[in-house]
């Protein structure tokens, strides 16, 4: 009997997710908060449901002098 691995099973029945990183906030002083946003997809790669924030993290970014907070999805 052939055994499916998890990645192959998700491809067949859906349940995979696509993720990307976007900026959540920038204090203008070189500190940014990035968010990892994900969206579930079906077996054909089409989006299913709503996107959601999987995690956030801080990192350095260029000093702009202008603080910015981006809207939540």
C-alpha atoms as a PDB file:
ATOM      1  CA  UNK A   1       0.000   0.000   0.000  1.00  0.00           C
ATOM      2  CA  UNK A   2       1.266   3.479  -0.913  1.00  0.00           C
ATOM      3  CA  UNK A   3       1.694   5.942   1.962  1.00  0.00           C
ATOM      4  CA  UNK A   4       1.117   9.672   1.453  1.00  0.00           C
ATOM      5  CA  UNK A   5       3.302  12.197   3.186  1.00  0.00           C
ATOM      6  CA  UNK A   6       1.669  15.247   4.800  1.00  0.00           C
ATOM      7  CA  UNK A   7       2.634  17.684   2.015  1.00  0.00           C
ATOM      8  CA  UNK A   8       1.228  15.384  -0.663  1.00  0.00           C
ATOM      9  CA  UNK A   9      -2.005  14.848   1.269  1.00  0.00           C
ATOM     10  CA  UNK A  10      -2.486  18.608   1.696  1.00  0.00           C
ATOM     11  CA  UNK A  11      -1.976  19.071  -2.040  1.00  0.00           C
ATOM     12  CA  UNK A  12      -4.677  16.488  -2.797  1.00  0.00           C
ATOM     13  CA  UNK A  13      -7.324  17.595  -0.275  1.00  0.00           C
ATOM     14  CA  UNK A  14      -6.321  21.205   0.351  1.00  0.00           C
ATOM     15  CA  UNK A  15      -5.331  22.682   3.684  1.00  0.00           C
ATOM     16  CA  UNK A  16      -2.035  24.189   2.636  1.00  0.00           C
ATOM     17  CA  UNK A  17      -1.331  27.844   3.260  1.00  0.00           C
ATOM     18  CA  UNK A  18       0.563  30.583   1.479  1.00  0.00           C
ATOM     19  CA  UNK A  19       2.347  33.152   3.614  1.00  0.00           C
ATOM     20  CA  UNK A  20       4.127  36.456   3.066  1.00  0.00           C
ATOM     21  CA  UNK A  21       5.755  39.134   5.212  1.00  0.00           C
ATOM     22  CA  UNK A  22       4.521  42.716   5.379  1.00  0.00           C
ATOM     23  CA  UNK A  23       5.258  45.708   7.594  1.00  0.00           C
ATOM     24  CA  UNK A  24       2.908  46.268  10.524  1.00  0.00           C
ATOM     25  CA  UNK A  25       4.511  49.408  11.966  1.00  0.00           C
ATOM     26  CA  UNK A  26       7.574  51.621  11.606  1.00  0.00           C
ATOM     27  CA  UNK A  27       8.447  54.100  14.374  1.00  0.00           C
ATOM     28  CA  UNK A  28      10.575  56.205  12.007  1.00  0.00           C
ATOM     29  CA  UNK A  29      13.630  55.677  14.238  1.00  0.00           C
ATOM     30  CA  UNK A  30      14.843  52.432  12.681  1.00  0.00           C
ATOM     31  CA  UNK A  31      12.525  49.973  14.456  1.00  0.00           C
ATOM     32  CA  UNK A  32       9.934  48.028  12.483  1.00  0.00           C
ATOM     33  CA  UNK A  33       7.412  45.365  13.366  1.00  0.00           C
ATOM     34  CA  UNK A  34       6.811  42.863  10.579  1.00  0.00           C
ATOM     35  CA  UNK A  35       3.916  40.446  10.379  1.00  0.00           C
ATOM     36  CA  UNK A  36       3.723  37.054   8.720  1.00  0.00           C
ATOM     37  CA  UNK A  37       0.332  36.916   7.016  1.00  0.00           C
ATOM     38  CA  UNK A  38      -1.069  33.595   5.797  1.00  0.00           C
ATOM     39  CA  UNK A  39      -4.032  32.512   3.701  1.00  0.00           C
ATOM     40  CA  UNK A  40      -5.336  28.953   3.472  1.00  0.00           C
ATOM     41  CA  UNK A  41      -5.537  27.560  -0.044  1.00  0.00           C
ATOM     42  CA  UNK A  42      -7.377  24.654  -1.627  1.00  0.00           C
ATOM     43  CA  UNK A  43      -5.756  21.875  -3.661  1.00  0.00           C
ATOM     44  CA  UNK A  44      -5.683  24.143  -6.737  1.00  0.00           C
ATOM     45  CA  UNK A  45      -3.919  26.982  -4.907  1.00  0.00           C
ATOM     46  CA  UNK A  46      -7.026  29.181  -4.700  1.00  0.00           C
ATOM     47  CA  UNK A  47      -7.511  31.234  -1.495  1.00  0.00           C
ATOM     48  CA  UNK A  48     -10.019  29.835   1.002  1.00  0.00           C
ATOM     49  CA  UNK A  49     -11.396  31.881   3.903  1.00  0.00           C
ATOM     50  CA  UNK A  50      -9.745  34.988   5.299  1.00  0.00           C
ATOM     51  CA  UNK A  51      -6.079  35.812   5.636  1.00  0.00           C
ATOM     52  CA  UNK A  52      -4.725  35.910   9.174  1.00  0.00           C
ATOM     53  CA  UNK A  53      -1.613  37.055  11.016  1.00  0.00           C
ATOM     54  CA  UNK A  54       0.461  34.000  11.918  1.00  0.00           C
ATOM     55  CA  UNK A  55       3.200  35.830  13.817  1.00  0.00           C
ATOM     56  CA  UNK A  56       4.923  39.170  14.304  1.00  0.00           C
ATOM     57  CA  UNK A  57       8.555  40.065  14.908  1.00  0.00           C
ATOM     58  CA  UNK A  58      10.705  43.172  15.296  1.00  0.00           C
ATOM     59  CA  UNK A  59      13.650  44.123  13.136  1.00  0.00           C
ATOM     60  CA  UNK A  60      15.747  47.114  12.150  1.00  0.00           C
ATOM     61  CA  UNK A  61      14.725  49.213   9.179  1.00  0.00           C
ATOM     62  CA  UNK A  62      15.877  52.510   7.628  1.00  0.00           C
ATOM     63  CA  UNK A  63      15.415  55.656   9.738  1.00  0.00           C
ATOM     64  CA  UNK A  64      12.746  57.750   8.009  1.00  0.00           C
ATOM     65  CA  UNK A  65      11.719  60.217  10.702  1.00  0.00           C
ATOM     66  CA  UNK A  66       8.078  59.429   9.932  1.00  0.00           C
ATOM     67  CA  UNK A  67       6.250  56.878  12.101  1.00  0.00           C
ATOM     68  CA  UNK A  68       3.731  54.700  10.254  1.00  0.00           C
ATOM     69  CA  UNK A  69       1.222  52.100  11.448  1.00  0.00           C
ATOM     70  CA  UNK A  70      -0.343  50.031   8.697  1.00  0.00           C
ATOM     71  CA  UNK A  71      -3.962  48.863   8.945  1.00  0.00           C
ATOM     72  CA  UNK A  72      -4.692  45.266   9.881  1.00  0.00           C
ATOM     73  CA  UNK A  73      -5.931  43.047   7.040  1.00  0.00           C
END
